[in-house]
Structure formats: structure tokens, C-alpha cells
Protein backbone atom coordinates (compact mmCIF):
# COMPACT_ATOMS: atom_id res chain seq x y z
CA UNK A 1 -25.96 13.34 -23.20
CA UNK A 2 -25.79 13.76 -19.42
CA UNK A 3 -22.40 12.93 -17.92
CA UNK A 4 -23.76 10.11 -15.75
CA UNK A 5 -25.08 8.29 -18.85
CA UNK A 6 -21.75 8.28 -20.69
CA UNK A 7 -19.84 4.98 -20.67
CA UNK A 8 -16.72 4.88 -18.49
CA UNK A 9 -13.36 5.57 -20.06
CA UNK A 10 -11.23 2.43 -20.27
CA UNK A 11 -7.46 2.72 -20.12
CA UNK A 12 -4.93 0.29 -21.53
CA UNK A 13 -2.88 0.21 -18.34
CA UNK A 14 -4.97 0.33 -15.17
CA UNK A 15 -1.81 0.37 -13.01
CA UNK A 16 -1.67 3.83 -11.36
CA UNK A 17 2.09 3.58 -10.78
CA UNK A 18 4.44 4.76 -13.51
CA UNK A 19 6.62 2.14 -15.19
CA UNK A 20 9.83 1.63 -13.29
CA UNK A 21 8.47 2.87 -9.97
CA UNK A 22 8.56 -0.47 -8.14
CA UNK A 23 11.98 -1.50 -9.48
CA UNK A 24 13.32 1.90 -8.38
CA UNK A 25 11.97 1.37 -4.85
CA UNK A 26 13.69 -2.03 -4.76
CA UNK A 27 16.97 -0.45 -5.86
CA UNK A 28 16.66 2.20 -3.16
CA UNK A 29 15.89 -0.46 -0.53
CA UNK A 30 18.92 -2.55 -1.52
CA UNK A 31 21.08 0.58 -1.35
CA UNK A 32 19.79 1.28 2.17
CA UNK A 33 17.99 4.44 1.08
CA UNK A 34 14.36 3.26 1.43
CA UNK A 35 13.57 1.85 4.89
CA UNK A 36 10.65 -0.35 3.84
CA UNK A 37 11.08 -2.56 6.90
CA UNK A 38 10.50 0.49 9.13
CA UNK A 39 7.23 1.31 7.38
CA UNK A 40 5.46 -1.98 8.14
CA UNK A 41 4.35 -3.60 11.37
CA UNK A 42 3.20 -7.21 11.54
CA UNK A 43 0.21 -8.37 13.57
CA UNK A 44 -1.30 -11.80 14.08
CA UNK A 45 -4.80 -12.13 12.67
CA UNK A 46 -6.33 -12.15 16.14
CA UNK A 47 -4.71 -8.72 16.73
CA UNK A 48 -6.71 -7.07 13.95
CA UNK A 49 -8.41 -4.59 16.30
CA UNK A 50 -5.04 -3.55 17.73
CA UNK A 51 -3.67 -3.10 14.20
CA UNK A 52 -6.59 -0.88 13.20
CA UNK A 53 -6.32 1.13 16.43
CA UNK A 54 -2.55 1.62 16.00
CA UNK A 55 -3.08 2.74 12.40
CA UNK A 56 -5.72 5.29 13.39
CA UNK A 57 -3.52 6.55 16.24
CA UNK A 58 -0.59 7.01 13.83
CA UNK A 59 1.60 4.42 15.57
CA UNK A 60 2.06 2.41 12.38
CA UNK A 61 2.13 3.29 8.70
CA UNK A 62 1.25 -0.07 7.16
CA UNK A 63 -0.12 -2.81 9.42
CA UNK A 64 0.19 -6.28 7.88
CA UNK A 65 -1.93 -9.14 9.21
CA UNK A 66 -0.43 -12.61 9.37
CA UNK A 67 -2.78 -15.57 9.44
CA UNK A 68 -1.87 -18.43 11.75
């Protein structure tokens, strides 16, 4: 049977992160060893073009849009 006709493989856990990953990041953040707040930049929704531009220019790692 050609590969493209085979049904997709279904996994039990579609979460790509290993168990314990998120809790570990939280522990590191609380200990001051994971600067999550330095990785995000907030933009108002009407600044969406600026957020995209800054992301493409490498000025921000994770732009977050805030609706008003």
C-alpha cells in the first residue's frame, strides 16, 4: 500500500512536551533561574503589525497581543 494511503498513526498523548516539563519551568522561574518575563513582550491589539515586525527583526522572542 502506498504510504500516502495509509491511515495516520494516532498517539495516546498528543502533548509534545515530556511529563514534568512545565512544572519544572515553573520551579526554575520561582527560583529566579528562568527569566520568563524577559522572554515576552506585550502589545495592544492595534499594535499587531509592530509586534510582527519586532519578531521578524529579532527584537522580541514572544510577542503577546492584549485585546482592549
